[in-house]
C-alpha atoms as a PDB file:
ATOM      1  CA  MET A   1      -1.596  19.854  -6.200  1.00  0.00           C
ATOM      2  CA  TYR A   2      -2.276  16.198  -6.941  1.00  0.00           C
ATOM      3  CA  LEU A   3      -0.594  13.089  -5.594  1.00  0.00           C
ATOM      4  CA  PHE A   4      -0.663  11.423  -9.016  1.00  0.00           C
ATOM      5  CA  ALA A   5      -0.349  14.007 -11.759  1.00  0.00           C
ATOM      6  CA  THR A   6       0.629  14.158 -15.381  1.00  0.00           C
ATOM      7  CA  GLN A   7       3.868  15.854 -16.419  1.00  0.00           C
ATOM      8  CA  ASP A   8       2.070  19.191 -16.739  1.00  0.00           C
ATOM      9  CA  GLY A   9       0.606  18.931 -13.209  1.00  0.00           C
ATOM     10  CA  THR A  10      -2.960  18.057 -14.097  1.00  0.00           C
ATOM     11  CA  PRO A  11      -4.648  15.040 -12.514  1.00  0.00           C
ATOM     12  CA  HIS A  12      -4.594  11.706 -14.315  1.00  0.00           C
ATOM     13  CA  SER A  13      -7.843  10.450 -15.730  1.00  0.00           C
ATOM     14  CA  THR A  14      -8.865   7.018 -14.488  1.00  0.00           C
ATOM     15  CA  SER A  15      -7.802   5.403 -17.731  1.00  0.00           C
ATOM     16  CA  GLY A  16      -4.546   7.399 -17.733  1.00  0.00           C
ATOM     17  CA  PHE A  17      -3.715   6.258 -14.218  1.00  0.00           C
ATOM     18  CA  ASN A  18      -4.588   2.650 -15.045  1.00  0.00           C
ATOM     19  CA  SER A  19      -2.337   2.771 -18.119  1.00  0.00           C
ATOM     20  CA  ALA A  20       0.555   4.201 -16.098  1.00  0.00           C
ATOM     21  CA  TRP A  21       0.062   1.571 -13.385  1.00  0.00           C
ATOM     22  CA  LYS A  22       0.038  -1.212 -15.998  1.00  0.00           C
ATOM     23  CA  ARG A  23       3.262   0.118 -17.573  1.00  0.00           C
ATOM     24  CA  LEU A  24       4.924   0.264 -14.153  1.00  0.00           C
ATOM     25  CA  LYS A  25       3.906  -3.314 -13.321  1.00  0.00           C
ATOM     26  CA  ASN A  26       5.280  -4.522 -16.649  1.00  0.00           C
ATOM     27  CA  ARG A  27       8.514  -2.564 -16.212  1.00  0.00           C
ATOM     28  CA  VAL A  28       9.245  -4.135 -12.819  1.00  0.00           C
ATOM     29  CA  GLY A  29       7.973  -7.587 -13.781  1.00  0.00           C
ATOM     30  CA  LEU A  30       5.176  -7.836 -11.207  1.00  0.00           C
ATOM     31  CA  SER A  31       1.885  -8.932 -12.690  1.00  0.00           C
ATOM     32  CA  ASP A  32       0.013  -9.917  -9.518  1.00  0.00           C
ATOM     33  CA  ILE A  33       0.175  -6.589  -7.698  1.00  0.00           C
ATOM     34  CA  HIS A  34      -2.621  -4.094  -7.171  1.00  0.00           C
ATOM     35  CA  PHE A  35      -2.500  -0.425  -6.284  1.00  0.00           C
ATOM     36  CA  HIS A  36      -4.471  -1.190  -3.119  1.00  0.00           C
ATOM     37  CA  ASP A  37      -1.565  -3.386  -1.936  1.00  0.00           C
ATOM     38  CA  ILE A  38       0.356  -0.180  -1.170  1.00  0.00           C
ATOM     39  CA  ARG A  39      -2.243   0.723   1.465  1.00  0.00           C
ATOM     40  CA  ALA A  40      -1.987  -2.716   3.045  1.00  0.00           C
ATOM     41  CA  LYS A  41       1.804  -2.428   3.155  1.00  0.00           C
ATOM     42  CA  ALA A  42       1.594   1.009   4.778  1.00  0.00           C
ATOM     43  CA  LEU A  43      -0.810  -0.264   7.450  1.00  0.00           C
ATOM     44  CA  THR A  44       1.361  -3.326   8.086  1.00  0.00           C
ATOM     45  CA  ASP A  45       4.420  -1.114   8.562  1.00  0.00           C
ATOM     46  CA  ALA A  46       2.468   1.278  10.786  1.00  0.00           C
ATOM     47  CA  LYS A  47       1.368  -1.562  13.045  1.00  0.00           C
ATOM     48  CA  ARG A  48       4.915  -2.920  13.293  1.00  0.00           C
ATOM     49  CA  ILE A  49       6.369   0.513  14.128  1.00  0.00           C
ATOM     50  CA  ALA A  50       3.669   2.148  16.256  1.00  0.00           C
ATOM     51  CA  GLY A  51       1.049  -0.488  17.078  1.00  0.00           C
ATOM     52  CA  SER A  52      -2.419  -1.521  16.014  1.00  0.00           C
ATOM     53  CA  ASP A  53      -4.175   1.603  17.254  1.00  0.00           C
ATOM     54  CA  TYR A  54      -1.964   3.817  15.114  1.00  0.00           C
ATOM     55  CA  ALA A  55      -2.539   1.622  12.050  1.00  0.00           C
ATOM     56  CA  GLN A  56      -6.292   1.813  12.641  1.00  0.00           C
ATOM     57  CA  VAL A  57      -6.215   5.619  12.763  1.00  0.00           C
ATOM     58  CA  LEU A  58      -3.963   5.792   9.705  1.00  0.00           C
ATOM     59  CA  GLY A  59      -6.340   3.534   7.790  1.00  0.00           C
ATOM     60  CA  ASN A  60      -9.325   5.599   8.962  1.00  0.00           C
ATOM     61  CA  HIS A  61     -11.096   2.415  10.048  1.00  0.00           C
ATOM     62  CA  ALA A  62     -13.945   2.465  12.548  1.00  0.00           C
ATOM     63  CA  SER A  63     -12.946  -0.919  13.934  1.00  0.00           C
ATOM     64  CA  LEU A  64      -9.646  -2.634  14.606  1.00  0.00           C
ATOM     65  CA  GLU A  65     -11.043  -5.763  12.962  1.00  0.00           C
ATOM     66  CA  THR A  66     -11.125  -3.962   9.612  1.00  0.00           C
ATOM     67  CA  THR A  67      -7.501  -2.910  10.027  1.00  0.00           C
ATOM     68  CA  GLU A  68      -6.512  -6.484  10.875  1.00  0.00           C
ATOM     69  CA  ILE A  69      -8.001  -7.661   7.553  1.00  0.00           C
ATOM     70  CA  TYR A  70      -5.404  -5.538   5.779  1.00  0.00           C
ATOM     71  CA  ILE A  71      -2.413  -6.572   7.834  1.00  0.00           C
ATOM     72  CA  LYS A  72      -2.926 -10.140   9.011  1.00  0.00           C
ATOM     73  CA  THR A  73      -1.812 -11.858   5.819  1.00  0.00           C
ATOM     74  CA  ARG A  74       1.040  -9.464   5.154  1.00  0.00           C
ATOM     75  CA  GLU A  75       2.901  -9.564   8.443  1.00  0.00           C
ATOM     76  CA  VAL A  76       6.323 -11.142   8.218  1.00  0.00           C
ATOM     77  CA  ASN A  77       8.633 -11.713  11.149  1.00  0.00           C
ATOM     78  CA  THR A  78      12.214 -10.798  10.403  1.00  0.00           C
ATOM     79  CA  VAL A  79      14.869 -13.045  11.894  1.00  0.00           C
ATOM     80  CA  ARG A  80      18.619 -12.699  12.234  1.00  0.00           C
ATOM     81  CA  PRO A  81      20.704 -15.384  10.509  1.00  0.00           C
ATOM     82  CA  LEU A  82      22.472 -17.849  12.816  1.00  0.00           C
ATOM     83  CA  PHE A  83      25.846 -17.241  11.181  1.00  0.00           C
END
């Protein structure tokens, strides 16, 4: 079983995956997005929900500093509107 497979269940080739990713970006109107951004988002969410140590383990990073590279520029504080 493959995470990213063709319709018949076989794995995508590199060029096939890149073509599918490009079509998806065009369909949703996001040109400045990279597949690796999904990993950064997952680590950012993991840190927010379960802490830095969990995000580090999830990212399989030897050091917390490496994990912080992924999440430091993507953290957003959510606030409640005043009214």
